[in-house]
Amino acid sequence: MKLPRDISGLELAKALTRLGYAIDHQRGSHIRLTTLRPSQHHITIPAHDPLKIGTLNAILRDVGSHAGLERDELLRLLFG
C-alpha cells in the first residue's frame, strides 16, 4: 500500500487512535501522542498540512516498530 500524500498531522493523530494512541498535549504546532499498548510509547507529530512524506514515513516506521507491525499492515489498519 502506498503512503497517503495529502494527510495532515491532525488526521494522522486521529488515525493513530485506532492503535491506542491518545493526544497527550499540544505545544505550538506539535502534537504529542502516548500509548500504553503493549508498553508506554510517545511520539510527536507536527500539525502541518500536509505532512512531508519523509516525516510521515519516519513516524509510521517508529509506530510500526513499537507495535510489531509491518509497513503494509500498519497502513491498512490506519488508512485502509
Protein backbone atom coordinates (compact mmCIF):
# COMPACT_ATOMS: atom_id res chain seq x y z
CA MET A 1 0.00 0.00 0.00
CA LYS A 2 1.22 3.49 -0.86
CA LEU A 3 1.71 6.29 1.67
CA PRO A 4 -1.05 8.91 1.54
CA ARG A 5 0.29 12.15 0.07
CA ASP A 6 -2.22 14.65 1.44
CA ILE A 7 -2.61 13.77 5.12
CA SER A 8 -2.30 16.41 7.82
CA GLY A 9 -0.74 15.94 11.23
CA LEU A 10 -4.14 16.13 12.92
CA GLU A 11 -5.58 13.49 10.57
CA LEU A 12 -2.64 11.20 11.36
CA ALA A 13 -3.15 11.75 15.10
CA LYS A 14 -6.81 10.76 14.73
CA ALA A 15 -5.86 7.66 12.71
CA LEU A 16 -3.36 6.59 15.37
CA THR A 17 -6.16 6.42 17.95
CA ARG A 18 -7.07 3.11 16.27
CA LEU A 19 -3.81 1.72 17.67
CA GLY A 20 -4.44 3.00 21.18
CA TYR A 21 -2.65 6.34 20.94
CA ALA A 22 -4.24 9.34 22.61
CA ILE A 23 -3.35 13.01 22.30
CA ASP A 24 -1.39 13.89 25.42
CA HIS A 25 -0.90 17.58 24.74
CA GLN A 26 -0.08 20.10 22.05
CA ARG A 27 2.55 22.79 22.18
CA GLY A 28 2.64 25.19 19.28
CA SER A 29 2.48 23.21 16.06
CA HIS A 30 3.44 19.84 17.56
CA ILE A 31 1.06 17.19 18.88
CA ARG A 32 2.31 14.61 21.38
CA LEU A 33 0.61 11.23 21.49
CA THR A 34 1.01 8.48 24.06
CA THR A 35 0.03 4.83 24.18
CA LEU A 36 0.32 2.20 26.87
CA ARG A 37 -0.13 -0.76 24.50
CA PRO A 38 1.86 -3.02 24.57
CA SER A 39 4.12 -0.71 26.60
CA GLN A 40 4.42 3.04 27.04
CA HIS A 41 5.41 4.89 23.87
CA HIS A 42 5.42 8.60 22.96
CA ILE A 43 5.53 10.20 19.52
CA THR A 44 5.45 13.81 18.43
CA ILE A 45 3.71 14.80 15.21
CA PRO A 46 3.94 18.22 13.56
CA ALA A 47 0.47 19.69 13.00
CA HIS A 48 1.31 20.63 9.41
CA ASP A 49 -0.99 20.27 6.41
CA PRO A 50 0.15 18.24 4.56
CA LEU A 51 2.90 16.31 6.30
CA LYS A 52 6.09 15.83 4.33
CA ILE A 53 6.47 12.27 3.03
CA GLY A 54 9.76 11.70 4.85
CA THR A 55 8.26 12.88 8.14
CA LEU A 56 5.20 10.67 7.70
CA ASN A 57 7.39 7.68 6.81
CA ALA A 58 9.59 8.19 9.89
CA ILE A 59 6.58 8.45 12.21
CA LEU A 60 4.98 5.32 10.76
CA ARG A 61 8.28 3.40 10.97
CA ASP A 62 8.55 4.33 14.67
CA VAL A 63 4.94 3.34 15.38
CA GLY A 64 5.27 0.11 13.39
CA SER A 65 8.42 -0.98 15.19
CA HIS A 66 6.80 -0.31 18.58
CA ALA A 67 3.61 -2.19 17.67
CA GLY A 68 5.46 -5.01 15.88
CA LEU A 69 3.63 -4.39 12.60
CA GLU A 70 4.91 -4.50 9.04
CA ARG A 71 4.53 -1.30 6.99
CA ASP A 72 1.71 -2.57 4.76
CA GLU A 73 -0.23 -3.98 7.71
CA LEU A 74 0.11 -0.68 9.58
CA LEU A 75 -1.05 1.35 6.55
CA ARG A 76 -4.05 -0.95 6.12
CA LEU A 77 -5.03 -0.52 9.79
CA LEU A 78 -4.69 3.26 9.71
CA PHE A 79 -5.88 4.24 6.23
CA GLY A 80 -7.47 1.16 4.66
